[in-house]
Structures are given as C-alpha cells and as structure tokens.
C-alpha cells in the first residue's frame, strides 16, 4: 500500500532558497509553494499542509521579523527541525539581454539585495533596486519578460529552472552567508535526528513581567546561567503594545524536557515572566 505523501508549504516559487531547504528535509514529499511567509504559516496552522518551511534568520541580515512576530502573535505552532543552508547570490538575466551593460532595474528579495549591497553600489550604483517576494519569484518574472532589460538576484537552481543566464556569480558581500529555516508543525515533536550528532536546541519566547522593574533581563539570563544552560542566541522584538515593550526570543542548547530546563521554566514563571516554547529540534545542514 502506497503511503500518502505529506504536504509541505514553502516560500516559493520553485527554486527559492526555502524550496531548496524544504527539499533537504522532505525529498520525497509533496512540496507546495506559497507567495508569502504568513500564507505558508497559515497553511500549516489551518491543516491545509502538514509542515511549513519558512526563513528565520540570515547570517548577514539577521532575523526575519515577519516570521518571528507571526509565531509570537498569530500562530500556535512548534519547530520540529531547523535547516542551515549556504546562500550564494548570482546576477541573472534573460538570454536575450546577456550583453547588456546596464539594466532598467534589478529585482530580488529585500534580504538578497541587502546581502549584495557593496557589489550593487559599486557596479550598478544608478540602477533602481526593486524588492520582490522571493529571489525565485524575481527570477521567474525576469524569465517571463524578455522584452524588458532587467536582472534578478537568485541562486543557481533558479537560473536553471527559469532558463536565465548568470552574468556574475557570488555577488554577496561576505563569503559566510547562511540562512536558517524553521520547519513548523501543529504538534510538538522532533523530526528524526539527521544522523550527524546534531546539537539539540529549544527556542523560547519570553515576555518580561508587566511591572517593568529594573534588572529583568539580568534575572532572565541568570535563570539559564547558574544552570549552565547555554544560550546560542537571544534578541528582543517589540510586543506591539507601546514603545519600550519587548519580548525576548532565546535559543537554548538543551531539550525542553531536561530537568534543568523544567526548572528554568518554573523559575521564569515565578519571576512573573510569560514563557512560550516553540519546542526542541535538531539541525539539518544542506
């Protein structure tokens, strides 16, 4: 009896970096492209798909606020895995415009444009930079409009998928350019250990006490420090309730079911903090 394929939403179209990340974790499942990050997340939240793969953080440009805020304010979902993918950005054009020395505009995702800032500034200083929903969507648009002398910034797979020429490779400003993706589900579970002794990680969203007393962040950090729980990341995001009101998102290198983690949750609650766990998960490298 043939097993029914699981449905996976990802930020599309095909050949986006998110598509490549989804293919790493779910090589034999049904991958379904969506236009925006909220659409991907809502698809898993309402049961249309089984998992969603969305970008969370880039090594050069930092967190993707839309993903973080949607998980805090809008969706009750869990992280079942994360994927770390190297990001290589190339300048792509339609074959009919291969010999162009200048362009009407260059299109890509805002993070991709920012990752290639130096190259674009020194090489195409006077060319308009236009933001698009994803790198692959920009490549697809360039492929569909050969009559326009425009370019896109995207990856090798996008060039191959949409029949574009690569006029300049590796235009990102820094060599170590990686993006971190979350695999989201309605249930709190881990995807299978990827098999390379992957570090387990737990992501928490912590809301400080409402009394706004001094030293709150120090108290929060102390909860983890004296238990020797290593934080690989902590950052703040606006609560959207007024200026100066924030929540913290923290990655802890420990399983949420470990005794020390349970103690940390209890102490944070005793301090008056709100704690929302996104679950524990392994890291996949693509």
Protein backbone atom coordinates (compact mmCIF):
# COMPACT_ATOMS: atom_id res chain seq x y z
CA UNK A 1 0.00 0.00 0.00
CA UNK A 2 1.41 3.36 -1.05
CA UNK A 3 1.88 5.87 1.75
CA UNK A 4 0.18 9.20 1.22
CA UNK A 5 2.73 11.95 0.79
CA UNK A 6 2.90 14.68 3.40
CA UNK A 7 2.18 18.20 2.22
CA UNK A 8 4.83 20.86 2.83
CA UNK A 9 4.29 24.59 2.34
CA UNK A 10 7.30 26.76 1.50
CA UNK A 11 8.02 30.32 0.42
CA UNK A 12 8.01 29.94 -3.34
CA UNK A 13 8.04 29.74 -6.19
CA UNK A 14 10.17 26.70 -7.05
CA UNK A 15 13.93 27.29 -6.89
CA UNK A 16 13.72 29.68 -3.95
CA UNK A 17 16.23 29.13 -1.15
CA UNK A 18 13.31 27.99 1.02
CA UNK A 19 12.41 25.42 -1.65
CA UNK A 20 15.95 24.04 -1.50
CA UNK A 21 15.77 23.86 2.31
CA UNK A 22 12.40 22.08 2.18
CA UNK A 23 13.79 19.61 -0.36
CA UNK A 24 16.63 18.76 2.03
CA UNK A 25 14.28 17.69 4.83
CA UNK A 26 11.40 16.37 2.70
CA UNK A 27 12.95 14.99 -0.52
CA UNK A 28 10.04 12.65 -1.29
CA UNK A 29 7.04 14.63 -0.01
CA UNK A 30 4.64 16.99 -1.79
CA UNK A 31 6.15 20.48 -1.74
CA UNK A 32 3.62 23.29 -2.17
CA UNK A 33 4.79 26.86 -2.94
CA UNK A 34 3.13 29.86 -1.31
CA UNK A 35 3.64 33.54 -2.09
CA UNK A 36 4.26 34.93 1.41
CA UNK A 37 5.55 33.78 4.79
CA UNK A 38 2.17 34.31 6.53
CA UNK A 39 0.47 32.18 3.86
CA UNK A 40 2.99 29.37 4.49
CA UNK A 41 2.41 29.55 8.24
CA UNK A 42 -1.38 29.78 7.97
CA UNK A 43 -1.40 26.73 5.66
CA UNK A 44 0.00 24.53 8.43
CA UNK A 45 -1.97 26.28 11.17
CA UNK A 46 -5.31 25.54 9.47
CA UNK A 47 -4.36 21.99 8.49
CA UNK A 48 -4.04 22.54 4.74
CA UNK A 49 -0.48 21.16 4.93
CA UNK A 50 1.42 19.00 7.42
CA UNK A 51 4.53 21.17 7.74
CA UNK A 52 5.69 24.65 6.74
CA UNK A 53 9.27 25.68 5.92
CA UNK A 54 9.99 29.38 6.39
CA UNK A 55 13.15 31.52 6.67
CA UNK A 56 14.03 32.69 10.17
CA UNK A 57 17.49 34.26 10.15
CA UNK A 58 20.32 35.20 7.82
CA UNK A 59 23.96 35.37 8.90
CA UNK A 60 24.39 38.80 7.28
CA UNK A 61 20.99 40.45 7.69
CA UNK A 62 19.79 38.96 10.97
CA UNK A 63 16.31 37.71 11.82
CA UNK A 64 13.30 37.74 9.54
CA UNK A 65 10.93 39.83 11.71
CA UNK A 66 7.79 38.65 9.91
CA UNK A 67 8.46 35.01 10.84
CA UNK A 68 9.33 35.76 14.48
CA UNK A 69 6.38 38.09 15.03
CA UNK A 70 3.89 35.78 13.33
CA UNK A 71 4.94 32.88 15.56
CA UNK A 72 4.58 35.04 18.67
CA UNK A 73 1.41 36.98 17.91
CA UNK A 74 -0.58 34.89 15.43
CA UNK A 75 0.17 31.16 15.37
CA UNK A 76 0.30 28.35 17.92
CA UNK A 77 2.89 26.19 16.19
CA UNK A 78 6.06 24.29 17.04
CA UNK A 79 9.50 23.96 15.48
CA UNK A 80 10.20 20.34 14.54
CA UNK A 81 13.56 20.96 12.80
CA UNK A 82 15.78 23.71 11.52
CA UNK A 83 17.78 23.79 8.30
CA UNK A 84 21.03 25.71 7.79
CA UNK A 85 21.69 26.48 4.13
CA UNK A 86 24.62 28.26 2.46
CA UNK A 87 23.42 31.20 0.38
CA UNK A 88 25.12 32.07 -2.92
CA UNK A 89 23.70 35.01 -4.81
CA UNK A 90 24.18 35.49 -8.56
CA UNK A 91 23.11 38.17 -11.03
CA UNK A 92 20.74 36.64 -13.58
CA UNK A 93 19.36 37.96 -16.89
CA UNK A 94 17.23 36.68 -19.74
CA UNK A 95 19.46 35.23 -22.50
CA UNK A 96 18.20 37.92 -24.88
CA UNK A 97 19.73 40.57 -22.60
CA UNK A 98 23.00 38.77 -21.99
CA UNK A 99 25.21 41.52 -23.43
CA UNK A 100 23.59 44.45 -21.63
CA UNK A 101 25.99 46.73 -19.74
CA UNK A 102 23.24 48.39 -17.71
CA UNK A 103 19.76 47.47 -16.57
CA UNK A 104 16.40 49.15 -16.22
CA UNK A 105 16.15 47.64 -12.71
CA UNK A 106 17.42 44.76 -10.57
CA UNK A 107 14.86 42.67 -8.68
CA UNK A 108 15.16 40.37 -5.68
CA UNK A 109 14.06 39.72 -2.11
CA UNK A 110 14.97 42.61 0.25
CA UNK A 111 17.45 40.43 2.17
CA UNK A 112 19.19 39.38 -1.04
CA UNK A 113 19.52 42.99 -2.17
CA UNK A 114 20.99 43.90 1.22
CA UNK A 115 23.40 40.93 1.13
CA UNK A 116 24.79 42.23 -2.19
CA UNK A 117 24.91 45.90 -1.20
CA UNK A 118 28.60 46.54 -1.93
CA UNK A 119 28.55 44.87 -5.32
CA UNK A 120 25.38 46.71 -6.36
CA UNK A 121 26.65 50.04 -5.07
CA UNK A 122 29.96 49.89 -6.92
CA UNK A 123 28.76 48.14 -10.09
CA UNK A 124 25.18 49.37 -10.57
CA UNK A 125 25.10 52.49 -8.44
CA UNK A 126 22.44 54.25 -10.53
CA UNK A 127 20.27 51.20 -11.22
CA UNK A 128 16.95 51.03 -9.31
CA UNK A 129 16.75 48.10 -6.89
CA UNK A 130 13.25 46.65 -6.70
CA UNK A 131 12.07 44.42 -3.86
CA UNK A 132 10.26 41.19 -4.69
CA UNK A 133 8.57 38.48 -2.60
CA UNK A 134 11.44 35.99 -3.08
CA UNK A 135 14.61 35.54 -5.12
CA UNK A 136 12.98 32.80 -7.20
CA UNK A 137 9.90 34.94 -7.87
CA UNK A 138 12.19 37.69 -9.16
CA UNK A 139 13.99 35.20 -11.43
CA UNK A 140 10.68 33.86 -12.73
CA UNK A 141 9.49 37.38 -13.51
CA UNK A 142 12.70 38.19 -15.43
CA UNK A 143 12.24 34.99 -17.44
CA UNK A 144 8.68 35.97 -18.36
CA UNK A 145 9.60 39.50 -19.52
CA UNK A 146 12.39 39.17 -22.11
CA UNK A 147 11.32 42.47 -23.66
CA UNK A 148 12.45 44.32 -20.52
CA UNK A 149 16.15 44.83 -19.84
CA UNK A 150 16.01 43.78 -16.18
CA UNK A 151 18.00 41.47 -13.92
CA UNK A 152 17.38 39.34 -10.83
CA UNK A 153 19.48 38.18 -7.92
CA UNK A 154 18.94 34.48 -7.16
CA UNK A 155 20.64 31.09 -6.99
CA UNK A 156 21.95 28.53 -9.49
CA UNK A 157 18.80 26.46 -9.35
CA UNK A 158 16.65 29.48 -10.21
CA UNK A 159 18.84 30.20 -13.23
CA UNK A 160 18.47 26.61 -14.40
CA UNK A 161 14.76 26.37 -13.60
CA UNK A 162 13.78 29.56 -15.43
CA UNK A 163 16.32 29.48 -18.26
CA UNK A 164 18.33 32.53 -17.25
CA UNK A 165 21.99 33.35 -17.81
CA UNK A 166 24.33 34.01 -14.90
CA UNK A 167 26.24 37.17 -15.77
CA UNK A 168 28.06 37.41 -12.43
CA UNK A 169 28.48 34.75 -9.76
CA UNK A 170 28.83 35.13 -5.99
CA UNK A 171 27.94 38.79 -5.73
CA UNK A 172 27.12 38.62 -1.99
CA UNK A 173 29.34 40.85 0.13
CA UNK A 174 30.63 38.22 2.55
CA UNK A 175 31.67 34.61 1.96
CA UNK A 176 29.94 33.14 5.02
CA UNK A 177 26.35 33.73 4.02
CA UNK A 178 23.93 31.20 5.51
CA UNK A 179 20.21 31.26 6.20
CA UNK A 180 18.39 29.41 8.96
CA UNK A 181 14.95 27.96 8.23
CA UNK A 182 12.30 26.63 10.62
CA UNK A 183 10.17 23.56 9.91
CA UNK A 184 6.83 24.20 11.62
CA UNK A 185 4.07 21.83 12.73
CA UNK A 186 0.85 21.93 14.76
CA UNK A 187 2.20 19.28 17.14
CA UNK A 188 5.24 19.47 19.38
CA UNK A 189 7.61 16.76 18.16
CA UNK A 190 11.09 16.39 16.69
CA UNK A 191 11.81 15.25 13.17
CA UNK A 192 14.24 12.34 13.01
CA UNK A 193 17.79 13.03 14.11
CA UNK A 194 19.67 13.88 10.87
CA UNK A 195 22.43 11.49 11.96
CA UNK A 196 25.49 13.69 12.39
CA UNK A 197 25.35 14.05 16.18
CA UNK A 198 23.33 17.21 15.73
CA UNK A 199 23.01 19.55 18.69
CA UNK A 200 19.51 19.68 20.09
CA UNK A 201 18.07 23.15 20.53
CA UNK A 202 14.97 24.71 22.13
CA UNK A 203 13.51 28.07 21.11
CA UNK A 204 11.70 30.09 23.76
CA UNK A 205 9.71 33.31 23.60
CA UNK A 206 9.87 35.10 26.95
CA UNK A 207 7.66 38.03 27.97
CA UNK A 208 9.04 40.13 30.88
CA UNK A 209 6.88 40.91 33.94
CA UNK A 210 4.40 43.76 33.49
CA UNK A 211 5.78 45.75 36.43
CA UNK A 212 8.79 46.80 34.30
CA UNK A 213 11.23 46.55 37.20
CA UNK A 214 14.94 47.11 36.66
CA UNK A 215 17.27 44.21 36.05
CA UNK A 216 14.68 41.94 34.42
CA UNK A 217 16.95 40.87 31.54
CA UNK A 218 19.73 40.11 34.04
CA UNK A 219 17.32 37.94 36.04
CA UNK A 220 16.21 36.09 32.90
CA UNK A 221 19.79 35.39 31.86
CA UNK A 222 20.70 34.28 35.38
CA UNK A 223 17.98 31.62 35.23
CA UNK A 224 19.95 29.93 32.47
CA UNK A 225 23.46 30.86 33.62
CA UNK A 226 23.51 29.20 37.04
CA UNK A 227 22.02 26.04 35.49
CA UNK A 228 24.80 26.06 32.87
CA UNK A 229 22.24 26.17 30.06
CA UNK A 230 23.97 27.66 27.03
CA UNK A 231 22.11 30.30 25.03
CA UNK A 232 23.19 30.34 21.38
CA UNK A 233 21.01 33.37 20.67
CA UNK A 234 18.88 35.98 22.42
CA UNK A 235 17.23 39.03 20.91
CA UNK A 236 14.30 41.34 21.59
CA UNK A 237 11.24 42.12 19.48
CA UNK A 238 8.53 44.74 20.08
CA UNK A 239 5.43 43.49 21.88
CA UNK A 240 3.36 45.90 19.74
CA UNK A 241 1.71 47.26 22.86
CA UNK A 242 3.69 50.50 23.13
CA UNK A 243 7.17 51.93 22.92
CA UNK A 244 9.66 50.20 25.19
CA UNK A 245 7.66 46.98 25.49
CA UNK A 246 9.51 43.91 24.23
CA UNK A 247 9.62 40.13 24.36
CA UNK A 248 12.77 38.02 24.06
CA UNK A 249 13.39 35.10 21.74
CA UNK A 250 16.10 32.76 23.00
CA UNK A 251 17.71 29.58 21.68
CA UNK A 252 18.84 27.20 24.41
CA UNK A 253 21.17 24.27 23.63
CA UNK A 254 19.15 21.73 25.59
CA UNK A 255 16.00 19.62 25.28
CA UNK A 256 12.93 21.30 26.78
CA UNK A 257 12.18 18.10 28.76
CA UNK A 258 15.54 18.07 30.55
CA UNK A 259 15.33 18.54 34.32
CA UNK A 260 17.29 21.80 34.27
CA UNK A 261 15.03 23.21 31.56
CA UNK A 262 11.89 22.36 33.53
CA UNK A 263 13.43 24.14 36.49
CA UNK A 264 14.20 27.16 34.32
CA UNK A 265 10.58 27.35 33.16
CA UNK A 266 9.36 27.25 36.77
CA UNK A 267 11.78 29.99 37.88
CA UNK A 268 10.88 32.24 34.92
CA UNK A 269 7.20 31.83 35.79
CA UNK A 270 7.96 32.65 39.46
CA UNK A 271 9.67 35.84 38.30
CA UNK A 272 6.43 36.85 36.56
CA UNK A 273 7.64 36.11 33.02
CA UNK A 274 5.48 34.56 30.32
CA UNK A 275 7.18 31.61 28.62
CA UNK A 276 6.14 30.18 25.24
CA UNK A 277 8.16 27.25 23.97
CA UNK A 278 8.40 26.55 20.25
CA UNK A 279 9.71 23.07 21.01
CA UNK A 280 13.01 21.22 20.77
CA UNK A 281 14.55 20.15 17.45
CA UNK A 282 17.62 19.03 15.55
CA UNK A 283 19.57 20.94 12.90
CA UNK A 284 19.82 19.77 9.28
CA UNK A 285 22.62 21.11 7.08
CA UNK A 286 22.05 21.47 3.35
